[in-house]
Amino acid sequence: MARKKELGEDFPALSEELEEGKTKVYKVEGVRTDSEKSGESGTEQTFMPDVVDYIRRCDTESQAVEIIDFMVKRREISESEASEIKKKLRSEGLRSFGAKKERDHYLRFGLE
């Protein structure tokens, strides 16, 4: 009985339809399963950030160096790549890698 009361409070029109038997029935002719016909690509777009993506989130050069060293430690970049990135960081600055990416960047702007 409590559930029925909750349903009536939360969804008054639906509750009334159910109680009075005014519900409508719709026949489904078929289900589209071909993703090309439905307009969806069917492939999920995934994104794996690289060292530059992480550097663009940094506030200071020391944070960027820490990221670079971490990526070398994880073997995601080589020592020579790290050396080149650090050289660019020292000579051109942190924002030479691009504008700062703030929190929730990809939620707001998607994958660029």
PDB file of N, CA and C in Angstrom:
ATOM      1  N   MET A   1       0.826  -1.190   0.000  1.00  0.00           N
ATOM      2  CA  MET A   1       0.000   0.000   0.000  1.00  0.00           C
ATOM      3  C   MET A   1       0.872   1.256   0.000  1.00  0.00           C
ATOM      4  N   ALA A   2       1.999   1.198   0.724  1.00  0.00           N
ATOM      5  CA  ALA A   2       2.882   2.357   0.794  1.00  0.00           C
ATOM      6  C   ALA A   2       3.479   2.667  -0.581  1.00  0.00           C
ATOM      7  N   ARG A   3       3.781   1.624  -1.335  1.00  0.00           N
ATOM      8  CA  ARG A   3       4.351   1.838  -2.670  1.00  0.00           C
ATOM      9  C   ARG A   3       3.344   2.519  -3.593  1.00  0.00           C
ATOM     10  N   LYS A   4       2.098   2.116  -3.485  1.00  0.00           N
ATOM     11  CA  LYS A   4       1.051   2.709  -4.316  1.00  0.00           C
ATOM     12  C   LYS A   4       0.895   4.192  -3.999  1.00  0.00           C
ATOM     13  N   LYS A   5       0.987   4.522  -2.714  1.00  0.00           N
ATOM     14  CA  LYS A   5       0.880   5.920  -2.288  1.00  0.00           C
ATOM     15  C   LYS A   5       2.072   6.727  -2.813  1.00  0.00           C
ATOM     16  N   GLU A   6       3.280   6.126  -2.716  1.00  0.00           N
ATOM     17  CA  GLU A   6       4.485   6.793  -3.220  1.00  0.00           C
ATOM     18  C   GLU A   6       4.376   7.035  -4.723  1.00  0.00           C
ATOM     19  N   LEU A   7       3.883   6.029  -5.444  1.00  0.00           N
ATOM     20  CA  LEU A   7       3.716   6.175  -6.887  1.00  0.00           C
ATOM     21  C   LEU A   7       2.754   7.316  -7.196  1.00  0.00           C
ATOM     22  N   GLY A   8       1.666   7.386  -6.436  1.00  0.00           N
ATOM     23  CA  GLY A   8       0.686   8.449  -6.634  1.00  0.00           C
ATOM     24  C   GLY A   8       1.243   9.823  -6.349  1.00  0.00           C
ATOM     25  N   GLU A   9       2.139   9.909  -5.360  1.00  0.00           N
ATOM     26  CA  GLU A   9       2.747  11.204  -5.024  1.00  0.00           C
ATOM     27  C   GLU A   9       3.789  11.611  -6.057  1.00  0.00           C
ATOM     28  N   ASP A  10       4.589  10.642  -6.478  1.00  0.00           N
ATOM     29  CA  ASP A  10       5.669  10.946  -7.411  1.00  0.00           C
ATOM     30  C   ASP A  10       5.185  11.092  -8.857  1.00  0.00           C
ATOM     31  N   PHE A  11       4.231  10.261  -9.236  1.00  0.00           N
ATOM     32  CA  PHE A  11       3.742  10.253 -10.619  1.00  0.00           C
ATOM     33  C   PHE A  11       2.210  10.222 -10.620  1.00  0.00           C
ATOM     34  N   PRO A  12       1.575  11.337 -10.322  1.00  0.00           N
ATOM     35  CA  PRO A  12       0.116  11.339 -10.189  1.00  0.00           C
ATOM     36  C   PRO A  12      -0.627  10.952 -11.472  1.00  0.00           C
ATOM     37  N   ALA A  13      -0.198  11.423 -12.611  1.00  0.00           N
ATOM     38  CA  ALA A  13      -0.893  11.114 -13.868  1.00  0.00           C
ATOM     39  C   ALA A  13      -0.770   9.627 -14.203  1.00  0.00           C
ATOM     40  N   LEU A  14       0.410   9.075 -14.021  1.00  0.00           N
ATOM     41  CA  LEU A  14       0.623   7.655 -14.283  1.00  0.00           C
ATOM     42  C   LEU A  14      -0.208   6.801 -13.335  1.00  0.00           C
ATOM     43  N   SER A  15      -0.222   7.180 -12.078  1.00  0.00           N
ATOM     44  CA  SER A  15      -1.005   6.456 -11.078  1.00  0.00           C
ATOM     45  C   SER A  15      -2.487   6.454 -11.450  1.00  0.00           C
ATOM     46  N   GLU A  16      -2.975   7.593 -11.892  1.00  0.00           N
ATOM     47  CA  GLU A  16      -4.385   7.707 -12.289  1.00  0.00           C
ATOM     48  C   GLU A  16      -4.690   6.817 -13.492  1.00  0.00           C
ATOM     49  N   GLU A  17      -3.789   6.819 -14.482  1.00  0.00           N
ATOM     50  CA  GLU A  17      -3.983   5.975 -15.662  1.00  0.00           C
ATOM     51  C   GLU A  17      -4.051   4.504 -15.281  1.00  0.00           C
ATOM     52  N   LEU A  18      -3.154   4.084 -14.386  1.00  0.00           N
ATOM     53  CA  LEU A  18      -3.129   2.683 -13.979  1.00  0.00           C
ATOM     54  C   LEU A  18      -4.383   2.299 -13.202  1.00  0.00           C
ATOM     55  N   GLU A  19      -4.822   3.164 -12.318  1.00  0.00           N
ATOM     56  CA  GLU A  19      -6.000   2.873 -11.496  1.00  0.00           C
ATOM     57  C   GLU A  19      -7.279   2.830 -12.326  1.00  0.00           C
ATOM     58  N   GLU A  20      -7.389   3.717 -13.309  1.00  0.00           N
ATOM     59  CA  GLU A  20      -8.619   3.806 -14.096  1.00  0.00           C
ATOM     60  C   GLU A  20      -8.581   2.954 -15.362  1.00  0.00           C
ATOM     61  N   GLY A  21      -7.476   2.298 -15.599  1.00  0.00           N
ATOM     62  CA  GLY A  21      -7.369   1.444 -16.780  1.00  0.00           C
ATOM     63  C   GLY A  21      -7.292   2.210 -18.079  1.00  0.00           C
ATOM     64  N   LYS A  22      -6.765   3.423 -18.044  1.00  0.00           N
ATOM     65  CA  LYS A  22      -6.674   4.263 -19.243  1.00  0.00           C
ATOM     66  C   LYS A  22      -5.347   4.092 -19.985  1.00  0.00           C
ATOM     67  N   THR A  23      -4.616   3.062 -19.659  1.00  0.00           N
ATOM     68  CA  THR A  23      -3.305   2.908 -20.288  1.00  0.00           C
ATOM     69  C   THR A  23      -3.456   2.608 -21.770  1.00  0.00           C
ATOM     70  N   LYS A  24      -2.492   3.055 -22.544  1.00  0.00           N
ATOM     71  CA  LYS A  24      -2.508   2.833 -23.989  1.00  0.00           C
ATOM     72  C   LYS A  24      -1.485   1.759 -24.328  1.00  0.00           C
ATOM     73  N   VAL A  25      -1.765   0.996 -25.350  1.00  0.00           N
ATOM     74  CA  VAL A  25      -0.867  -0.058 -25.798  1.00  0.00           C
ATOM     75  C   VAL A  25      -0.374   0.317 -27.186  1.00  0.00           C
ATOM     76  N   TYR A  26       0.929   0.250 -27.369  1.00  0.00           N
ATOM     77  CA  TYR A  26       1.528   0.547 -28.660  1.00  0.00           C
ATOM     78  C   TYR A  26       2.223  -0.705 -29.171  1.00  0.00           C
ATOM     79  N   LYS A  27       1.989  -1.025 -30.428  1.00  0.00           N
ATOM     80  CA  LYS A  27       2.614  -2.189 -31.032  1.00  0.00           C
ATOM     81  C   LYS A  27       3.966  -1.770 -31.609  1.00  0.00           C
ATOM     82  N   VAL A  28       4.985  -2.550 -31.311  1.00  0.00           N
ATOM     83  CA  VAL A  28       6.318  -2.303 -31.848  1.00  0.00           C
ATOM     84  C   VAL A  28       6.469  -3.172 -33.085  1.00  0.00           C
ATOM     85  N   GLU A  29       6.697  -2.532 -34.223  1.00  0.00           N
ATOM     86  CA  GLU A  29       6.788  -3.253 -35.492  1.00  0.00           C
ATOM     87  C   GLU A  29       8.095  -4.023 -35.639  1.00  0.00           C
ATOM     88  N   GLY A  30       9.148  -3.548 -35.038  1.00  0.00           N
ATOM     89  CA  GLY A  30      10.429  -4.222 -35.166  1.00  0.00           C
ATOM     90  C   GLY A  30      11.500  -3.458 -34.422  1.00  0.00           C
ATOM     91  N   VAL A  31      12.636  -4.082 -34.342  1.00  0.00           N
ATOM     92  CA  VAL A  31      13.766  -3.459 -33.658  1.00  0.00           C
ATOM     93  C   VAL A  31      14.913  -3.373 -34.646  1.00  0.00           C
ATOM     94  N   ARG A  32      15.491  -2.208 -34.753  1.00  0.00           N
ATOM     95  CA  ARG A  32      16.603  -2.000 -35.670  1.00  0.00           C
ATOM     96  C   ARG A  32      17.886  -2.458 -34.984  1.00  0.00           C
ATOM     97  N   THR A  33      18.603  -3.361 -35.629  1.00  0.00           N
ATOM     98  CA  THR A  33      19.846  -3.847 -35.034  1.00  0.00           C
ATOM     99  C   THR A  33      21.071  -3.467 -35.844  1.00  0.00           C
ATOM    100  N   ASP A  34      20.901  -3.044 -37.080  1.00  0.00           N
ATOM    101  CA  ASP A  34      22.024  -2.653 -37.918  1.00  0.00           C
ATOM    102  C   ASP A  34      22.449  -1.244 -37.542  1.00  0.00           C
ATOM    103  N   SER A  35      23.644  -1.117 -36.970  1.00  0.00           N
ATOM    104  CA  SER A  35      24.081   0.184 -36.469  1.00  0.00           C
ATOM    105  C   SER A  35      24.244   1.214 -37.584  1.00  0.00           C
ATOM    106  N   GLU A  36      24.575   0.789 -38.795  1.00  0.00           N
ATOM    107  CA  GLU A  36      24.710   1.747 -39.897  1.00  0.00           C
ATOM    108  C   GLU A  36      23.361   2.364 -40.251  1.00  0.00           C
ATOM    109  N   LYS A  37      22.313   1.566 -40.228  1.00  0.00           N
ATOM    110  CA  LYS A  37      20.984   2.077 -40.553  1.00  0.00           C
ATOM    111  C   LYS A  37      20.452   2.997 -39.466  1.00  0.00           C
ATOM    112  N   SER A  38      20.868   2.768 -38.247  1.00  0.00           N
ATOM    113  CA  SER A  38      20.354   3.583 -37.151  1.00  0.00           C
ATOM    114  C   SER A  38      21.094   4.906 -37.020  1.00  0.00           C
ATOM    115  N   GLY A  39      22.157   5.078 -37.800  1.00  0.00           N
ATOM    116  CA  GLY A  39      22.885   6.333 -37.756  1.00  0.00           C
ATOM    117  C   GLY A  39      23.995   6.356 -36.720  1.00  0.00           C
ATOM    118  N   GLU A  40      24.195   5.250 -36.042  1.00  0.00           N
ATOM    119  CA  GLU A  40      25.264   5.183 -35.049  1.00  0.00           C
ATOM    120  C   GLU A  40      26.449   4.474 -35.670  1.00  0.00           C
ATOM    121  N   SER A  41      27.619   4.878 -35.290  1.00  0.00           N
ATOM    122  CA  SER A  41      28.804   4.240 -35.842  1.00  0.00           C
ATOM    123  C   SER A  41      29.030   2.869 -35.228  1.00  0.00           C
ATOM    124  N   GLY A  42      28.570   2.666 -34.008  1.00  0.00           N
ATOM    125  CA  GLY A  42      28.722   1.381 -33.359  1.00  0.00           C
ATOM    126  C   GLY A  42      30.078   1.185 -32.714  1.00  0.00           C
ATOM    127  N   THR A  43      30.979   2.109 -32.941  1.00  0.00           N
ATOM    128  CA  THR A  43      32.288   1.986 -32.316  1.00  0.00           C
ATOM    129  C   THR A  43      32.410   3.029 -31.223  1.00  0.00           C
ATOM    130  N   GLU A  44      32.939   2.590 -30.132  1.00  0.00           N
ATOM    131  CA  GLU A  44      33.150   3.510 -29.025  1.00  0.00           C
ATOM    132  C   GLU A  44      34.450   4.254 -29.239  1.00  0.00           C
ATOM    133  N   GLN A  45      34.414   5.540 -29.054  1.00  0.00           N
ATOM    134  CA  GLN A  45      35.626   6.319 -29.205  1.00  0.00           C
ATOM    135  C   GLN A  45      36.328   6.364 -27.854  1.00  0.00           C
ATOM    136  N   THR A  46      37.530   5.858 -27.825  1.00  0.00           N
ATOM    137  CA  THR A  46      38.284   5.877 -26.576  1.00  0.00           C
ATOM    138  C   THR A  46      39.445   6.840 -26.717  1.00  0.00           C
ATOM    139  N   PHE A  47      39.942   7.278 -25.601  1.00  0.00           N
ATOM    140  CA  PHE A  47      41.013   8.261 -25.612  1.00  0.00           C
ATOM    141  C   PHE A  47      42.016   7.909 -24.531  1.00  0.00           C
ATOM    142  N   MET A  48      43.257   7.787 -24.925  1.00  0.00           N
ATOM    143  CA  MET A  48      44.330   7.559 -23.967  1.00  0.00           C
ATOM    144  C   MET A  48      45.212   8.801 -23.969  1.00  0.00           C
ATOM    145  N   PRO A  49      45.232   9.547 -22.879  1.00  0.00           N
ATOM    146  CA  PRO A  49      46.047  10.762 -22.841  1.00  0.00           C
ATOM    147  C   PRO A  49      47.531  10.441 -22.958  1.00  0.00           C
ATOM    148  N   ASP A  50      48.246  11.329 -23.629  1.00  0.00           N
ATOM    149  CA  ASP A  50      49.694  11.164 -23.723  1.00  0.00           C
ATOM    150  C   ASP A  50      50.370  12.174 -22.801  1.00  0.00           C
ATOM    151  N   VAL A  51      51.681  12.227 -22.863  1.00  0.00           N
ATOM    152  CA  VAL A  51      52.441  13.081 -21.945  1.00  0.00           C
ATOM    153  C   VAL A  51      52.051  14.551 -22.098  1.00  0.00           C
ATOM    154  N   VAL A  52      51.776  14.991 -23.317  1.00  0.00           N
ATOM    155  CA  VAL A  52      51.402  16.393 -23.542  1.00  0.00           C
ATOM    156  C   VAL A  52      50.056  16.701 -22.887  1.00  0.00           C
ATOM    157  N   ASP A  53      49.122  15.762 -22.956  1.00  0.00           N
ATOM    158  CA  ASP A  53      47.821  15.974 -22.305  1.00  0.00           C
ATOM    159  C   ASP A  53      47.993  16.170 -20.799  1.00  0.00           C
ATOM    160  N   TYR A  54      48.878  15.378 -20.207  1.00  0.00           N
ATOM    161  CA  TYR A  54      49.125  15.522 -18.770  1.00  0.00           C
ATOM    162  C   TYR A  54      49.854  16.829 -18.457  1.00  0.00           C
ATOM    163  N   ILE A  55      50.815  17.193 -19.298  1.00  0.00           N
ATOM    164  CA  ILE A  55      51.558  18.443 -19.089  1.00  0.00           C
ATOM    165  C   ILE A  55      50.617  19.641 -19.170  1.00  0.00           C
ATOM    166  N   ARG A  56      49.653  19.592 -20.063  1.00  0.00           N
ATOM    167  CA  ARG A  56      48.720  20.717 -20.217  1.00  0.00           C
ATOM    168  C   ARG A  56      47.834  20.921 -18.998  1.00  0.00           C
ATOM    169  N   ARG A  57      47.787  19.955 -18.102  1.00  0.00           N
ATOM    170  CA  ARG A  57      47.018  20.104 -16.860  1.00  0.00           C
ATOM    171  C   ARG A  57      47.863  20.681 -15.722  1.00  0.00           C
ATOM    172  N   CYS A  58      49.159  20.791 -15.936  1.00  0.00           N
ATOM    173  CA  CYS A  58      50.073  21.271 -14.891  1.00  0.00           C
ATOM    174  C   CYS A  58      49.973  22.784 -14.703  1.00  0.00           C
ATOM    175  N   ASP A  59      50.255  23.204 -13.460  1.00  0.00           N
ATOM    176  CA  ASP A  59      50.292  24.631 -13.139  1.00  0.00           C
ATOM    177  C   ASP A  59      51.718  25.171 -13.149  1.00  0.00           C
ATOM    178  N   THR A  60      52.690  24.299 -12.901  1.00  0.00           N
ATOM    179  CA  THR A  60      54.085  24.738 -12.821  1.00  0.00           C
ATOM    180  C   THR A  60      54.976  23.815 -13.647  1.00  0.00           C
ATOM    181  N   GLU A  61      56.161  24.323 -13.968  1.00  0.00           N
ATOM    182  CA  GLU A  61      57.126  23.512 -14.706  1.00  0.00           C
ATOM    183  C   GLU A  61      57.594  22.323 -13.880  1.00  0.00           C
ATOM    184  N   SER A  62      57.700  22.501 -12.564  1.00  0.00           N
ATOM    185  CA  SER A  62      58.139  21.380 -11.719  1.00  0.00           C
ATOM    186  C   SER A  62      57.117  20.240 -11.748  1.00  0.00           C
ATOM    187  N   GLN A  63      55.840  20.578 -11.827  1.00  0.00           N
ATOM    188  CA  GLN A  63      54.817  19.537 -11.960  1.00  0.00           C
ATOM    189  C   GLN A  63      54.985  18.807 -13.294  1.00  0.00           C
ATOM    190  N   ALA A  64      55.282  19.559 -14.336  1.00  0.00           N
ATOM    191  CA  ALA A  64      55.467  18.964 -15.662  1.00  0.00           C
ATOM    192  C   ALA A  64      56.663  18.016 -15.670  1.00  0.00           C
ATOM    193  N   VAL A  65      57.751  18.419 -15.033  1.00  0.00           N
ATOM    194  CA  VAL A  65      58.938  17.563 -14.952  1.00  0.00           C
ATOM    195  C   VAL A  65      58.598  16.277 -14.195  1.00  0.00           C
ATOM    196  N   GLU A  66      57.827  16.405 -13.139  1.00  0.00           N
ATOM    197  CA  GLU A  66      57.406  15.233 -12.370  1.00  0.00           C
ATOM    198  C   GLU A  66      56.582  14.278 -13.248  1.00  0.00           C
ATOM    199  N   ILE A  67      55.700  14.824 -14.054  1.00  0.00           N
ATOM    200  CA  ILE A  67      54.893  14.015 -14.978  1.00  0.00           C
ATOM    201  C   ILE A  67      55.799  13.307 -15.987  1.00  0.00           C
ATOM    202  N   ILE A  68      56.733  14.042 -16.547  1.00  0.00           N
ATOM    203  CA  ILE A  68      57.646  13.472 -17.541  1.00  0.00           C
ATOM    204  C   ILE A  68      58.439  12.323 -16.929  1.00  0.00           C
ATOM    205  N   ASP A  69      58.989  12.541 -15.737  1.00  0.00           N
ATOM    206  CA  ASP A  69      59.758  11.487 -15.061  1.00  0.00           C
ATOM    207  C   ASP A  69      58.892  10.261 -14.767  1.00  0.00           C
ATOM    208  N   PHE A  70      57.660  10.497 -14.381  1.00  0.00           N
ATOM    209  CA  PHE A  70      56.736   9.401 -14.104  1.00  0.00           C
ATOM    210  C   PHE A  70      56.448   8.591 -15.372  1.00  0.00           C
ATOM    211  N   MET A  71      56.265   9.295 -16.493  1.00  0.00           N
ATOM    212  CA  MET A  71      55.989   8.609 -17.758  1.00  0.00           C
ATOM    213  C   MET A  71      57.189   7.776 -18.214  1.00  0.00           C
ATOM    214  N   VAL A  72      58.396   8.265 -17.941  1.00  0.00           N
ATOM    215  CA  VAL A  72      59.602   7.493 -18.258  1.00  0.00           C
ATOM    216  C   VAL A  72      59.649   6.247 -17.376  1.00  0.00           C
ATOM    217  N   LYS A  73      59.370   6.431 -16.105  1.00  0.00           N
ATOM    218  CA  LYS A  73      59.393   5.314 -15.151  1.00  0.00           C
ATOM    219  C   LYS A  73      58.400   4.222 -15.570  1.00  0.00           C
ATOM    220  N   ARG A  74      57.263   4.630 -16.091  1.00  0.00           N
ATOM    221  CA  ARG A  74      56.240   3.669 -16.543  1.00  0.00           C
ATOM    222  C   ARG A  74      56.513   3.160 -17.959  1.00  0.00           C
ATOM    223  N   ARG A  75      57.575   3.669 -18.567  1.00  0.00           N
ATOM    224  CA  ARG A  75      57.980   3.303 -19.927  1.00  0.00           C
ATOM    225  C   ARG A  75      56.928   3.672 -20.976  1.00  0.00           C
ATOM    226  N   GLU A  76      56.228   4.763 -20.711  1.00  0.00           N
ATOM    227  CA  GLU A  76      55.270   5.264 -21.699  1.00  0.00           C
ATOM    228  C   GLU A  76      55.955   6.207 -22.684  1.00  0.00           C
ATOM    229  N   ILE A  77      57.087   6.764 -22.274  1.00  0.00           N
ATOM    230  CA  ILE A  77      57.941   7.532 -23.182  1.00  0.00           C
ATOM    231  C   ILE A  77      59.384   7.112 -22.920  1.00  0.00           C
ATOM    232  N   SER A  78      60.229   7.309 -23.919  1.00  0.00           N
ATOM    233  CA  SER A  78      61.638   6.932 -23.774  1.00  0.00           C
ATOM    234  C   SER A  78      62.428   8.060 -23.106  1.00  0.00           C
ATOM    235  N   GLU A  79      63.639   7.733 -22.707  1.00  0.00           N
ATOM    236  CA  GLU A  79      64.534   8.737 -22.110  1.00  0.00           C
ATOM    237  C   GLU A  79      64.809   9.867 -23.099  1.00  0.00           C
ATOM    238  N   SER A  80      64.992   9.518 -24.369  1.00  0.00           N
ATOM    239  CA  SER A  80      65.287  10.555 -25.367  1.00  0.00           C
ATOM    240  C   SER A  80      64.073  11.464 -25.589  1.00  0.00           C
ATOM    241  N   GLU A  81      62.874  10.883 -25.599  1.00  0.00           N
ATOM    242  CA  GLU A  81      61.667  11.710 -25.720  1.00  0.00           C
ATOM    243  C   GLU A  81      61.543  12.636 -24.516  1.00  0.00           C
ATOM    244  N   ALA A  82      61.808  12.093 -23.340  1.00  0.00           N
ATOM    245  CA  ALA A  82      61.734  12.893 -22.114  1.00  0.00           C
ATOM    246  C   ALA A  82      62.723  14.045 -22.171  1.00  0.00           C
ATOM    247  N   SER A  83      63.912  13.767 -22.668  1.00  0.00           N
ATOM    248  CA  SER A  83      64.939  14.800 -22.778  1.00  0.00           C
ATOM    249  C   SER A  83      64.489  15.922 -23.711  1.00  0.00           C
ATOM    250  N   GLU A  84      63.911  15.562 -24.851  1.00  0.00           N
ATOM    251  CA  GLU A  84      63.420  16.560 -25.804  1.00  0.00           C
ATOM    252  C   GLU A  84      62.280  17.388 -25.209  1.00  0.00           C
ATOM    253  N   ILE A  85      61.379  16.725 -24.503  1.00  0.00           N
ATOM    254  CA  ILE A  85      60.242  17.426 -23.901  1.00  0.00           C
ATOM    255  C   ILE A  85      60.726  18.392 -22.822  1.00  0.00           C
ATOM    256  N   LYS A  86      61.679  17.945 -22.000  1.00  0.00           N
ATOM    257  CA  LYS A  86      62.218  18.815 -20.943  1.00  0.00           C
ATOM    258  C   LYS A  86      62.958  20.003 -21.549  1.00  0.00           C
ATOM    259  N   LYS A  87      63.668  19.756 -22.653  1.00  0.00           N
ATOM    260  CA  LYS A  87      64.391  20.834 -23.335  1.00  0.00           C
ATOM    261  C   LYS A  87      63.403  21.897 -23.824  1.00  0.00           C
ATOM    262  N   LYS A  88      62.312  21.455 -24.436  1.00  0.00           N
ATOM    263  CA  LYS A  88      61.285  22.385 -24.911  1.00  0.00           C
ATOM    264  C   LYS A  88      60.650  23.113 -23.730  1.00  0.00           C
ATOM    265  N   LEU A  89      60.422  22.399 -22.643  1.00  0.00           N
ATOM    266  CA  LEU A  89      59.824  22.989 -21.448  1.00  0.00           C
ATOM    267  C   LEU A  89      60.698  24.121 -20.907  1.00  0.00           C
ATOM    268  N   ARG A  90      62.013  23.879 -20.836  1.00  0.00           N
ATOM    269  CA  ARG A  90      62.935  24.907 -20.329  1.00  0.00           C
ATOM    270  C   ARG A  90      63.047  26.096 -21.280  1.00  0.00           C
ATOM    271  N   SER A  91      63.117  25.821 -22.572  1.00  0.00           N
ATOM    272  CA  SER A  91      63.359  26.910 -23.524  1.00  0.00           C
ATOM    273  C   SER A  91      62.090  27.693 -23.891  1.00  0.00           C
ATOM    274  N   GLU A  92      60.952  27.005 -24.023  1.00  0.00           N
ATOM    275  CA  GLU A  92      59.741  27.675 -24.501  1.00  0.00           C
ATOM    276  C   GLU A  92      58.661  27.849 -23.444  1.00  0.00           C
ATOM    277  N   GLY A  93      58.790  27.144 -22.348  1.00  0.00           N
ATOM    278  CA  GLY A  93      57.823  27.303 -21.263  1.00  0.00           C
ATOM    279  C   GLY A  93      56.703  26.277 -21.272  1.00  0.00           C
ATOM    280  N   LEU A  94      55.978  26.265 -20.187  1.00  0.00           N
ATOM    281  CA  LEU A  94      54.915  25.284 -19.955  1.00  0.00           C
ATOM    282  C   LEU A  94      53.791  25.375 -20.983  1.00  0.00           C
ATOM    283  N   ARG A  95      53.388  26.585 -21.331  1.00  0.00           N
ATOM    284  CA  ARG A  95      52.248  26.747 -22.236  1.00  0.00           C
ATOM    285  C   ARG A  95      52.607  26.560 -23.707  1.00  0.00           C
ATOM    286  N   SER A  96      53.869  26.241 -23.984  1.00  0.00           N
ATOM    287  CA  SER A  96      54.241  25.936 -25.368  1.00  0.00           C
ATOM    288  C   SER A  96      53.628  24.605 -25.814  1.00  0.00           C
ATOM    289  N   PHE A  97      53.145  23.816 -24.854  1.00  0.00           N
ATOM    290  CA  PHE A  97      52.497  22.541 -25.166  1.00  0.00           C
ATOM    291  C   PHE A  97      51.000  22.721 -25.426  1.00  0.00           C
ATOM    292  N   GLY A  98      50.506  23.925 -25.205  1.00  0.00           N
ATOM    293  CA  GLY A  98      49.092  24.215 -25.416  1.00  0.00           C
ATOM    294  C   GLY A  98      48.493  24.864 -24.188  1.00  0.00           C
ATOM    295  N   ALA A  99      47.295  25.384 -24.345  1.00  0.00           N
ATOM    296  CA  ALA A  99      46.597  26.042 -23.235  1.00  0.00           C
ATOM    297  C   ALA A  99      46.318  25.034 -22.124  1.00  0.00           C
ATOM    298  N   LYS A 100      46.168  25.546 -20.923  1.00  0.00           N
ATOM    299  CA  LYS A 100      45.904  24.683 -19.770  1.00  0.00           C
ATOM    300  C   LYS A 100      44.550  24.013 -19.917  1.00  0.00           C
ATOM    301  N   LYS A 101      44.536  22.723 -19.669  1.00  0.00           N
ATOM    302  CA  LYS A 101      43.279  21.971 -19.667  1.00  0.00           C
ATOM    303  C   LYS A 101      42.788  21.918 -18.231  1.00  0.00           C
ATOM    304  N   GLU A 102      41.643  22.514 -18.008  1.00  0.00           N
ATOM    305  CA  GLU A 102      41.074  22.555 -16.659  1.00  0.00           C
ATOM    306  C   GLU A 102      40.370  21.243 -16.333  1.00  0.00           C
ATOM    307  N   ARG A 103      39.932  21.136 -15.106  1.00  0.00           N
ATOM    308  CA  ARG A 103      39.193  19.966 -14.639  1.00  0.00           C
ATOM    309  C   ARG A 103      37.945  19.769 -15.513  1.00  0.00           C
ATOM    310  N   ASP A 104      37.628  18.532 -15.812  1.00  0.00           N
ATOM    311  CA  ASP A 104      36.465  18.152 -16.628  1.00  0.00           C
ATOM    312  C   ASP A 104      36.529  18.693 -18.056  1.00  0.00           C
ATOM    313  N   HIS A 105      37.727  18.917 -18.565  1.00  0.00           N
ATOM    314  CA  HIS A 105      37.907  19.449 -19.918  1.00  0.00           C
ATOM    315  C   HIS A 105      37.168  18.604 -20.954  1.00  0.00           C
ATOM    316  N   TYR A 106      37.342  17.292 -20.891  1.00  0.00           N
ATOM    317  CA  TYR A 106      36.752  16.423 -21.907  1.00  0.00           C
ATOM    318  C   TYR A 106      35.247  16.300 -21.749  1.00  0.00           C
ATOM    319  N   LEU A 107      34.728  16.486 -20.546  1.00  0.00           N
ATOM    320  CA  LEU A 107      33.282  16.472 -20.360  1.00  0.00           C
ATOM    321  C   LEU A 107      32.647  17.684 -21.029  1.00  0.00           C
ATOM    322  N   ARG A 108      33.343  18.816 -20.982  1.00  0.00           N
ATOM    323  CA  ARG A 108      32.810  20.041 -21.579  1.00  0.00           C
ATOM    324  C   ARG A 108      33.049  20.129 -23.074  1.00  0.00           C
ATOM    325  N   PHE A 109      34.228  19.703 -23.511  1.00  0.00           N
ATOM    326  CA  PHE A 109      34.610  19.920 -24.902  1.00  0.00           C
ATOM    327  C   PHE A 109      34.683  18.642 -25.730  1.00  0.00           C
ATOM    328  N   GLY A 110      34.612  17.499 -25.110  1.00  0.00           N
ATOM    329  CA  GLY A 110      34.712  16.231 -25.825  1.00  0.00           C
ATOM    330  C   GLY A 110      36.139  15.956 -26.246  1.00  0.00           C
ATOM    331  N   LEU A 111      36.287  14.965 -27.083  1.00  0.00           N
ATOM    332  CA  LEU A 111      37.618  14.612 -27.573  1.00  0.00           C
ATOM    333  C   LEU A 111      37.927  15.490 -28.766  1.00  0.00           C
ATOM    334  N   GLU A 112      38.985  16.227 -28.676  1.00  0.00           N
ATOM    335  CA  GLU A 112      39.329  17.176 -29.746  1.00  0.00           C
ATOM    336  C   GLU A 112      40.197  16.537 -30.791  1.00  0.00           C
TER     337      GLU A 112
END
